[in-house]
Amino acid sequence: MWVDTHCHLDAHEFGSESLQVAARAGAQGVAMIVIPAVERANFAIVRDLAHAAPNACYALGIHPIFVPHATEDDLLALRAAVQAAMADPRFVAIGEIGLDFFLPMLCEPAMRVKQEHFLREQLKIARDFDLPVLAHVRRSQDIVLKHARQIRPNGGIAHAFNGSFQQAQGYIDLGFKLGFGGAMTYARALQIRRLATGLPLDAIVLETDAPDISPSWLHPGRNSPEELPRIGAVLAELRGLDIAQVAARTSANARAVMPRLPLMGRP
């Protein structure tokens, strides 16, 4: 069985098919799909979707791409939503949060400051409720790591990790796992493949980031949690391991870093 630790199943690209997609993924062995929120407006959407699909759960957070229009009230609403969700067995983490220094509009000085403020406040929420975080670290691995070291949430996942081995070790030392997905399936993705091969297997979790980061066989089409077993097979091939072993180990890693992760079919 597999765990997709990061999938935007509520995205508009799935239209009205989200539940069917989750069911097809489940039929292929994807035991659990983690659906992160990206802004206050979809907190209830991801919660309701996670309750509608037997193999789904959710996280709450404000994604850095949505920070430009976010307010302090949104942070207050997030804290309140997290407090309410602690009684919900389908709620597993704070996310998606982090920093994005790839998009030009997010690299302006004032926006960098605002992003870091929102990251720190959300890390504090994770710390206060003893929750892991799903961290967006695009072109920002060191700075996210700096703030995580200072605030110390209860571990997390560095989503779509493509940094250095040194940066990877920094996250591992803080109790984080490193997320690998479709990007690993491209032969030209040399650094990501080096990481996927050279890092300890117990540091790795699998993800799709669907509908984004399509694997090589789908590019440029819509990604889906249905692809996770095949993505996992690529990791097994790169490491010279049995597919079942990779499925078991990466799923165990996901459960270790997200202790609230439900078992498939449980309420």
C-alpha atoms as a PDB file:
ATOM      1  CA  MET A   1       0.000   0.000   0.000  1.00  0.00           C
ATOM      2  CA  TRP A   2       1.131   3.545  -0.789  1.00  0.00           C
ATOM      3  CA  VAL A   3       0.664   6.969   0.822  1.00  0.00           C
ATOM      4  CA  ASP A   4       0.475  10.107  -1.330  1.00  0.00           C
ATOM      5  CA  THR A   5       1.724  12.693   1.154  1.00  0.00           C
ATOM      6  CA  HIS A   6       0.844  15.726  -0.982  1.00  0.00           C
ATOM      7  CA  CYS A   7      -2.033  15.930  -3.462  1.00  0.00           C
ATOM      8  CA  HIS A   8      -4.283  18.906  -4.268  1.00  0.00           C
ATOM      9  CA  LEU A   9      -7.287  16.718  -4.935  1.00  0.00           C
ATOM     10  CA  ASP A  10      -9.589  19.724  -4.629  1.00  0.00           C
ATOM     11  CA  ALA A  11      -7.915  21.562  -7.543  1.00  0.00           C
ATOM     12  CA  HIS A  12     -10.143  22.762 -10.373  1.00  0.00           C
ATOM     13  CA  GLU A  13      -8.251  20.534 -12.807  1.00  0.00           C
ATOM     14  CA  PHE A  14     -10.072  17.557 -11.314  1.00  0.00           C
ATOM     15  CA  GLY A  15     -13.460  19.171 -11.857  1.00  0.00           C
ATOM     16  CA  SER A  16     -16.160  16.945 -10.385  1.00  0.00           C
ATOM     17  CA  GLU A  17     -13.953  13.846 -10.590  1.00  0.00           C
ATOM     18  CA  SER A  18     -12.081  14.162  -7.291  1.00  0.00           C
ATOM     19  CA  LEU A  19     -13.869  11.313  -5.537  1.00  0.00           C
ATOM     20  CA  GLN A  20     -13.607   9.039  -8.580  1.00  0.00           C
ATOM     21  CA  VAL A  21      -9.882   9.815  -8.844  1.00  0.00           C
ATOM     22  CA  ALA A  22      -9.402   8.973  -5.160  1.00  0.00           C
ATOM     23  CA  ALA A  23     -11.345   5.728  -5.615  1.00  0.00           C
ATOM     24  CA  ARG A  24      -9.258   4.699  -8.624  1.00  0.00           C
ATOM     25  CA  ALA A  25      -6.081   5.499  -6.701  1.00  0.00           C
ATOM     26  CA  GLY A  26      -7.340   3.401  -3.806  1.00  0.00           C
ATOM     27  CA  ALA A  27      -8.010   0.499  -6.163  1.00  0.00           C
ATOM     28  CA  GLN A  28      -4.352   0.713  -7.208  1.00  0.00           C
ATOM     29  CA  GLY A  29      -3.104   0.536  -3.635  1.00  0.00           C
ATOM     30  CA  VAL A  30      -2.952   4.195  -2.608  1.00  0.00           C
ATOM     31  CA  ALA A  31      -4.124   3.733   0.960  1.00  0.00           C
ATOM     32  CA  MET A  32      -4.098   7.407   1.916  1.00  0.00           C
ATOM     33  CA  ILE A  33      -3.993  10.769   0.129  1.00  0.00           C
ATOM     34  CA  VAL A  34      -3.066  13.905   2.082  1.00  0.00           C
ATOM     35  CA  ILE A  35      -4.881  16.989   0.766  1.00  0.00           C
ATOM     36  CA  PRO A  36      -3.254  20.262   1.879  1.00  0.00           C
ATOM     37  CA  ALA A  37      -5.162  23.527   1.977  1.00  0.00           C
ATOM     38  CA  VAL A  38      -3.659  26.562   0.260  1.00  0.00           C
ATOM     39  CA  GLU A  39      -5.773  29.456   1.587  1.00  0.00           C
ATOM     40  CA  ARG A  40      -8.540  30.238   4.044  1.00  0.00           C
ATOM     41  CA  ALA A  41     -11.150  29.894   1.288  1.00  0.00           C
ATOM     42  CA  ASN A  42     -10.478  26.176   0.852  1.00  0.00           C
ATOM     43  CA  PHE A  43     -10.131  25.079   4.489  1.00  0.00           C
ATOM     44  CA  ALA A  44     -13.665  23.671   4.516  1.00  0.00           C
ATOM     45  CA  ILE A  45     -13.323  22.290   0.983  1.00  0.00           C
ATOM     46  CA  VAL A  46     -10.330  20.077   1.772  1.00  0.00           C
ATOM     47  CA  ARG A  47     -11.913  18.974   5.053  1.00  0.00           C
ATOM     48  CA  ASP A  48     -15.162  17.952   3.362  1.00  0.00           C
ATOM     49  CA  LEU A  49     -13.328  16.187   0.533  1.00  0.00           C
ATOM     50  CA  ALA A  50     -11.202  14.246   3.011  1.00  0.00           C
ATOM     51  CA  HIS A  51     -14.342  13.070   4.766  1.00  0.00           C
ATOM     52  CA  ALA A  52     -16.001  12.087   1.491  1.00  0.00           C
ATOM     53  CA  ALA A  53     -13.153   9.853   0.271  1.00  0.00           C
ATOM     54  CA  PRO A  54     -12.331   6.795   2.434  1.00  0.00           C
ATOM     55  CA  ASN A  55      -8.634   7.078   1.558  1.00  0.00           C
ATOM     56  CA  ALA A  56      -8.110  10.819   2.165  1.00  0.00           C
ATOM     57  CA  CYS A  57      -7.134  13.161   4.971  1.00  0.00           C
ATOM     58  CA  TYR A  58      -6.225  16.841   5.078  1.00  0.00           C
ATOM     59  CA  ALA A  59      -3.924  19.600   6.278  1.00  0.00           C
ATOM     60  CA  LEU A  60      -4.660  23.280   6.907  1.00  0.00           C
ATOM     61  CA  GLY A  61      -2.400  26.156   5.950  1.00  0.00           C
ATOM     62  CA  ILE A  62      -1.746  29.194   3.772  1.00  0.00           C
ATOM     63  CA  HIS A  63       0.476  28.535   0.737  1.00  0.00           C
ATOM     64  CA  PRO A  64       3.135  31.154  -0.060  1.00  0.00           C
ATOM     65  CA  ILE A  65       1.577  31.826  -3.470  1.00  0.00           C
ATOM     66  CA  PHE A  66      -1.575  32.960  -1.634  1.00  0.00           C
ATOM     67  CA  VAL A  67       0.294  35.125   0.868  1.00  0.00           C
ATOM     68  CA  PRO A  68       0.100  38.331  -1.251  1.00  0.00           C
ATOM     69  CA  HIS A  69      -3.651  38.568  -0.641  1.00  0.00           C
ATOM     70  CA  ALA A  70      -3.694  36.984   2.824  1.00  0.00           C
ATOM     71  CA  THR A  71      -4.299  39.001   5.987  1.00  0.00           C
ATOM     72  CA  GLU A  72      -3.650  38.731   9.693  1.00  0.00           C
ATOM     73  CA  ASP A  73      -7.292  37.696  10.036  1.00  0.00           C
ATOM     74  CA  ASP A  74      -6.501  34.669   7.893  1.00  0.00           C
ATOM     75  CA  LEU A  75      -3.821  33.617  10.367  1.00  0.00           C
ATOM     76  CA  LEU A  76      -6.304  33.988  13.218  1.00  0.00           C
ATOM     77  CA  ALA A  77      -8.840  31.949  11.237  1.00  0.00           C
ATOM     78  CA  LEU A  78      -6.221  29.270  10.625  1.00  0.00           C
ATOM     79  CA  ARG A  79      -5.414  28.973  14.310  1.00  0.00           C
ATOM     80  CA  ALA A  80      -9.114  28.693  15.127  1.00  0.00           C
ATOM     81  CA  ALA A  81      -9.669  26.124  12.368  1.00  0.00           C
ATOM     82  CA  VAL A  82      -6.734  24.041  13.603  1.00  0.00           C
ATOM     83  CA  GLN A  83      -8.007  24.136  17.168  1.00  0.00           C
ATOM     84  CA  ALA A  84     -11.398  22.904  15.979  1.00  0.00           C
ATOM     85  CA  ALA A  85      -9.820  20.258  13.729  1.00  0.00           C
ATOM     86  CA  MET A  86      -7.804  18.654  16.508  1.00  0.00           C
ATOM     87  CA  ALA A  87     -10.877  16.568  17.298  1.00  0.00           C
ATOM     88  CA  ASP A  88     -11.115  15.435  13.660  1.00  0.00           C
ATOM     89  CA  PRO A  89      -9.317  12.127  12.936  1.00  0.00           C
ATOM     90  CA  ARG A  90      -8.950  13.149   9.281  1.00  0.00           C
ATOM     91  CA  PHE A  91      -6.799  16.183  10.153  1.00  0.00           C
ATOM     92  CA  VAL A  92      -3.061  15.441  10.071  1.00  0.00           C
ATOM     93  CA  ALA A  93      -0.811  18.492   9.588  1.00  0.00           C
ATOM     94  CA  ILE A  94      -0.264  22.199   8.979  1.00  0.00           C
ATOM     95  CA  GLY A  95       0.167  22.840   5.281  1.00  0.00           C
ATOM     96  CA  GLU A  96       0.830  23.787   2.690  1.00  0.00           C
ATOM     97  CA  ILE A  97       3.077  26.494   4.129  1.00  0.00           C
ATOM     98  CA  GLY A  98       6.557  27.729   3.284  1.00  0.00           C
ATOM     99  CA  LEU A  99       8.425  30.108   1.028  1.00  0.00           C
ATOM    100  CA  ASP A 100       8.581  30.505  -2.749  1.00  0.00           C
ATOM    101  CA  PHE A 101      11.462  32.515  -4.169  1.00  0.00           C
ATOM    102  CA  PHE A 102      10.943  31.287  -7.725  1.00  0.00           C
ATOM    103  CA  LEU A 103       7.988  33.405  -8.859  1.00  0.00           C
ATOM    104  CA  PRO A 104       9.165  36.982  -9.531  1.00  0.00           C
ATOM    105  CA  MET A 105       6.210  38.622  -7.761  1.00  0.00           C
ATOM    106  CA  LEU A 106       7.112  36.751  -4.599  1.00  0.00           C
ATOM    107  CA  CYS A 107      10.743  37.850  -4.702  1.00  0.00           C
ATOM    108  CA  GLU A 108      10.061  41.550  -4.195  1.00  0.00           C
ATOM    109  CA  PRO A 109      11.566  42.687  -0.867  1.00  0.00           C
ATOM    110  CA  ALA A 110       8.233  43.475   0.814  1.00  0.00           C
ATOM    111  CA  MET A 111       6.746  40.181  -0.317  1.00  0.00           C
ATOM    112  CA  ARG A 112       9.741  38.211   0.919  1.00  0.00           C
ATOM    113  CA  VAL A 113       9.222  39.777   4.347  1.00  0.00           C
ATOM    114  CA  LYS A 114       5.499  38.983   4.293  1.00  0.00           C
ATOM    115  CA  GLN A 115       6.130  35.402   3.233  1.00  0.00           C
ATOM    116  CA  GLU A 116       8.579  34.889   6.080  1.00  0.00           C
ATOM    117  CA  HIS A 117       6.131  36.393   8.553  1.00  0.00           C
ATOM    118  CA  PHE A 118       3.372  34.023   7.424  1.00  0.00           C
ATOM    119  CA  LEU A 119       5.746  31.076   7.539  1.00  0.00           C
ATOM    120  CA  ARG A 120       6.858  31.871  11.089  1.00  0.00           C
ATOM    121  CA  GLU A 121       3.314  32.353  12.350  1.00  0.00           C
ATOM    122  CA  GLN A 122       2.213  29.054  10.824  1.00  0.00           C
ATOM    123  CA  LEU A 123       5.233  27.245  12.221  1.00  0.00           C
ATOM    124  CA  LYS A 124       4.186  28.585  15.632  1.00  0.00           C
ATOM    125  CA  ILE A 125       0.700  27.152  15.145  1.00  0.00           C
ATOM    126  CA  ALA A 126       2.244  23.788  14.276  1.00  0.00           C
ATOM    127  CA  ARG A 127       4.482  23.960  17.352  1.00  0.00           C
ATOM    128  CA  ASP A 128       1.632  25.013  19.641  1.00  0.00           C
ATOM    129  CA  PHE A 129      -0.575  22.108  18.520  1.00  0.00           C
ATOM    130  CA  ASP A 130       2.304  19.595  18.250  1.00  0.00           C
ATOM    131  CA  LEU A 131       1.717  19.044  14.531  1.00  0.00           C
ATOM    132  CA  PRO A 132       4.027  18.385  11.575  1.00  0.00           C
ATOM    133  CA  VAL A 133       4.168  20.789   8.620  1.00  0.00           C
ATOM    134  CA  LEU A 134       3.993  20.296   4.859  1.00  0.00           C
ATOM    135  CA  ALA A 135       6.658  22.749   3.720  1.00  0.00           C
ATOM    136  CA  HIS A 136       6.941  24.397   0.304  1.00  0.00           C
ATOM    137  CA  VAL A 137      10.672  25.077  -0.162  1.00  0.00           C
ATOM    138  CA  ARG A 138      11.040  26.225  -3.772  1.00  0.00           C
ATOM    139  CA  ARG A 139      14.325  28.154  -4.072  1.00  0.00           C
ATOM    140  CA  SER A 140      14.098  28.633  -0.312  1.00  0.00           C
ATOM    141  CA  GLN A 141      15.410  25.484   1.373  1.00  0.00           C
ATOM    142  CA  ASP A 142      17.920  27.255   3.618  1.00  0.00           C
ATOM    143  CA  ILE A 143      15.570  30.004   4.776  1.00  0.00           C
ATOM    144  CA  VAL A 144      12.690  27.636   5.543  1.00  0.00           C
ATOM    145  CA  LEU A 145      15.183  25.481   7.420  1.00  0.00           C
ATOM    146  CA  LYS A 146      16.413  28.496   9.409  1.00  0.00           C
ATOM    147  CA  HIS A 147      12.909  29.352  10.592  1.00  0.00           C
ATOM    148  CA  ALA A 148      12.096  25.708  11.354  1.00  0.00           C
ATOM    149  CA  ARG A 149      15.246  25.459  13.490  1.00  0.00           C
ATOM    150  CA  GLN A 150      14.198  28.524  15.449  1.00  0.00           C
ATOM    151  CA  ILE A 151      10.545  27.596  16.001  1.00  0.00           C
ATOM    152  CA  ARG A 152      10.790  23.791  16.057  1.00  0.00           C
ATOM    153  CA  PRO A 153       7.499  22.339  14.828  1.00  0.00           C
ATOM    154  CA  ASN A 154       6.945  18.633  15.364  1.00  0.00           C
ATOM    155  CA  GLY A 155       8.771  17.611  12.183  1.00  0.00           C
ATOM    156  CA  GLY A 156       7.222  17.667   8.746  1.00  0.00           C
ATOM    157  CA  ILE A 157       7.862  17.075   5.081  1.00  0.00           C
ATOM    158  CA  ALA A 158      10.044  19.187   2.792  1.00  0.00           C
ATOM    159  CA  HIS A 159       7.720  18.916  -0.199  1.00  0.00           C
ATOM    160  CA  ALA A 160       9.190  18.419  -3.708  1.00  0.00           C
ATOM    161  CA  PHE A 161      12.685  18.480  -2.272  1.00  0.00           C
ATOM    162  CA  ASN A 162      15.494  19.246  -4.717  1.00  0.00           C
ATOM    163  CA  GLY A 163      18.185  20.782  -2.555  1.00  0.00           C
ATOM    164  CA  SER A 164      21.629  19.530  -1.566  1.00  0.00           C
ATOM    165  CA  PHE A 165      22.568  16.568   0.616  1.00  0.00           C
ATOM    166  CA  GLN A 166      23.653  19.060   3.291  1.00  0.00           C
ATOM    167  CA  GLN A 167      20.260  20.766   3.219  1.00  0.00           C
ATOM    168  CA  ALA A 168      18.564  17.370   3.290  1.00  0.00           C
ATOM    169  CA  GLN A 169      20.490  16.445   6.407  1.00  0.00           C
ATOM    170  CA  GLY A 170      19.423  19.708   8.039  1.00  0.00           C
ATOM    171  CA  TYR A 171      15.780  18.781   7.553  1.00  0.00           C
ATOM    172  CA  ILE A 172      16.348  15.194   8.658  1.00  0.00           C
ATOM    173  CA  ASP A 173      17.995  16.456  11.851  1.00  0.00           C
ATOM    174  CA  LEU A 174      14.779  18.381  12.627  1.00  0.00           C
ATOM    175  CA  GLY A 175      12.632  15.276  12.218  1.00  0.00           C
ATOM    176  CA  PHE A 176      11.515  16.032   8.662  1.00  0.00           C
ATOM    177  CA  LYS A 177      11.073  13.622   5.780  1.00  0.00           C
ATOM    178  CA  LEU A 178      11.803  14.600   2.180  1.00  0.00           C
ATOM    179  CA  GLY A 179       9.108  14.397  -0.498  1.00  0.00           C
ATOM    180  CA  PHE A 180       9.821  12.879  -3.912  1.00  0.00           C
ATOM    181  CA  GLY A 181       7.412  12.576  -6.812  1.00  0.00           C
ATOM    182  CA  GLY A 182       7.056  13.038 -10.537  1.00  0.00           C
ATOM    183  CA  ALA A 183      10.239  15.060 -10.983  1.00  0.00           C
ATOM    184  CA  MET A 184      12.242  11.968 -10.012  1.00  0.00           C
ATOM    185  CA  THR A 185      10.950  10.128 -13.097  1.00  0.00           C
ATOM    186  CA  TYR A 186      12.887  12.298 -15.573  1.00  0.00           C
ATOM    187  CA  ALA A 187      16.286  10.992 -16.609  1.00  0.00           C
ATOM    188  CA  ARG A 188      17.603  14.559 -16.831  1.00  0.00           C
ATOM    189  CA  ALA A 189      16.706  15.287 -13.170  1.00  0.00           C
ATOM    190  CA  LEU A 190      20.188  14.246 -12.089  1.00  0.00           C
ATOM    191  CA  GLN A 191      20.336  15.928  -8.671  1.00  0.00           C
ATOM    192  CA  ILE A 192      16.887  14.720  -7.640  1.00  0.00           C
ATOM    193  CA  ARG A 193      17.815  11.195  -8.710  1.00  0.00           C
ATOM    194  CA  ARG A 194      21.091  11.399  -6.782  1.00  0.00           C
ATOM    195  CA  LEU A 195      19.134  12.397  -3.688  1.00  0.00           C
ATOM    196  CA  ALA A 196      16.520   9.691  -4.203  1.00  0.00           C
ATOM    197  CA  THR A 197      19.299   7.114  -4.503  1.00  0.00           C
ATOM    198  CA  GLY A 198      21.715   8.386  -1.867  1.00  0.00           C
ATOM    199  CA  LEU A 199      19.520   9.510   1.015  1.00  0.00           C
ATOM    200  CA  PRO A 200      18.520   6.990   3.686  1.00  0.00           C
ATOM    201  CA  LEU A 201      15.289   5.307   2.612  1.00  0.00           C
ATOM    202  CA  ASP A 202      13.767   6.099   6.001  1.00  0.00           C
ATOM    203  CA  ALA A 203      14.058   9.825   5.138  1.00  0.00           C
ATOM    204  CA  ILE A 204      11.924   9.579   1.981  1.00  0.00           C
ATOM    205  CA  VAL A 205       8.183   9.878   1.451  1.00  0.00           C
ATOM    206  CA  LEU A 206       6.325   9.809  -1.848  1.00  0.00           C
ATOM    207  CA  GLU A 207       3.943  12.397  -3.245  1.00  0.00           C
ATOM    208  CA  THR A 208       2.333  13.435  -6.499  1.00  0.00           C
ATOM    209  CA  ASP A 209       1.522  17.146  -5.957  1.00  0.00           C
ATOM    210  CA  ALA A 210      -1.321  16.335  -8.360  1.00  0.00           C
ATOM    211  CA  PRO A 211      -2.509  17.898 -10.571  1.00  0.00           C
ATOM    212  CA  ASP A 212       1.028  19.360 -10.861  1.00  0.00           C
ATOM    213  CA  ILE A 213       4.543  17.872 -11.303  1.00  0.00           C
ATOM    214  CA  SER A 214       3.417  15.233 -13.777  1.00  0.00           C
ATOM    215  CA  PRO A 215       5.716  12.220 -14.194  1.00  0.00           C
ATOM    216  CA  SER A 216       7.579  11.765 -17.460  1.00  0.00           C
ATOM    217  CA  TRP A 217       4.952   9.471 -18.981  1.00  0.00           C
ATOM    218  CA  LEU A 218       2.179  12.061 -18.490  1.00  0.00           C
ATOM    219  CA  HIS A 219       3.966  15.322 -19.237  1.00  0.00           C
ATOM    220  CA  PRO A 220       2.440  17.826 -19.824  1.00  0.00           C
ATOM    221  CA  GLY A 221      -0.866  16.258 -18.795  1.00  0.00           C
ATOM    222  CA  ARG A 222      -2.692  16.331 -15.468  1.00  0.00           C
ATOM    223  CA  ASN A 223      -1.024  14.412 -12.688  1.00  0.00           C
ATOM    224  CA  SER A 224      -3.086  12.160 -10.413  1.00  0.00           C
ATOM    225  CA  PRO A 225      -2.657  10.150  -7.190  1.00  0.00           C
ATOM    226  CA  GLU A 226      -3.301   7.127  -9.413  1.00  0.00           C
ATOM    227  CA  GLU A 227       0.292   7.564 -10.633  1.00  0.00           C
ATOM    228  CA  LEU A 228       1.880   7.111  -7.211  1.00  0.00           C
ATOM    229  CA  PRO A 229       2.535   3.342  -7.511  1.00  0.00           C
ATOM    230  CA  ARG A 230       4.353   3.865 -10.799  1.00  0.00           C
ATOM    231  CA  ILE A 231       6.341   6.771  -9.311  1.00  0.00           C
ATOM    232  CA  GLY A 232       7.217   4.468  -6.413  1.00  0.00           C
ATOM    233  CA  ALA A 233       8.357   1.842  -8.895  1.00  0.00           C
ATOM    234  CA  VAL A 234      10.835   4.374 -10.310  1.00  0.00           C
ATOM    235  CA  LEU A 235      12.261   4.907  -6.825  1.00  0.00           C
ATOM    236  CA  ALA A 236      12.540   1.140  -6.394  1.00  0.00           C
ATOM    237  CA  GLU A 237      14.372   0.845  -9.704  1.00  0.00           C
ATOM    238  CA  LEU A 238      16.761   3.689  -8.875  1.00  0.00           C
ATOM    239  CA  ARG A 239      17.643   2.080  -5.546  1.00  0.00           C
ATOM    240  CA  GLY A 240      17.635  -1.530  -6.768  1.00  0.00           C
ATOM    241  CA  LEU A 241      14.912  -2.506  -4.327  1.00  0.00           C
ATOM    242  CA  ASP A 242      11.736  -4.532  -4.455  1.00  0.00           C
ATOM    243  CA  ILE A 243       8.635  -2.416  -5.146  1.00  0.00           C
ATOM    244  CA  ALA A 244       6.782  -3.877  -2.166  1.00  0.00           C
ATOM    245  CA  GLN A 245       9.683  -2.932   0.091  1.00  0.00           C
ATOM    246  CA  VAL A 246       9.624   0.671  -1.144  1.00  0.00           C
ATOM    247  CA  ALA A 247       5.854   0.855  -0.700  1.00  0.00           C
ATOM    248  CA  ALA A 248       6.071  -0.441   2.861  1.00  0.00           C
ATOM    249  CA  ARG A 249       9.011   1.736   3.892  1.00  0.00           C
ATOM    250  CA  THR A 250       7.790   5.003   2.389  1.00  0.00           C
ATOM    251  CA  SER A 251       4.310   4.452   3.834  1.00  0.00           C
ATOM    252  CA  ALA A 252       5.815   3.752   7.263  1.00  0.00           C
ATOM    253  CA  ASN A 253       7.852   6.946   6.912  1.00  0.00           C
ATOM    254  CA  ALA A 254       4.681   8.917   6.151  1.00  0.00           C
ATOM    255  CA  ARG A 255       3.007   7.514   9.253  1.00  0.00           C
ATOM    256  CA  ALA A 256       6.086   8.243  11.373  1.00  0.00           C
ATOM    257  CA  VAL A 257       6.137  11.915  10.396  1.00  0.00           C
ATOM    258  CA  MET A 258       2.338  12.315  10.472  1.00  0.00           C
ATOM    259  CA  PRO A 259       1.243  10.262  13.502  1.00  0.00           C
ATOM    260  CA  ARG A 260      -2.390  11.304  13.026  1.00  0.00           C
ATOM    261  CA  LEU A 261      -2.506   9.732   9.561  1.00  0.00           C
ATOM    262  CA  PRO A 262      -5.580   7.486   9.515  1.00  0.00           C
ATOM    263  CA  LEU A 263      -5.708   3.960   8.215  1.00  0.00           C
ATOM    264  CA  MET A 264      -7.622   3.533   4.965  1.00  0.00           C
ATOM    265  CA  GLY A 265     -11.353   3.165   5.486  1.00  0.00           C
ATOM    266  CA  ARG A 266     -11.289   4.286   9.124  1.00  0.00           C
ATOM    267  CA  PRO A 267     -13.665   7.138  10.119  1.00  0.00           C
END
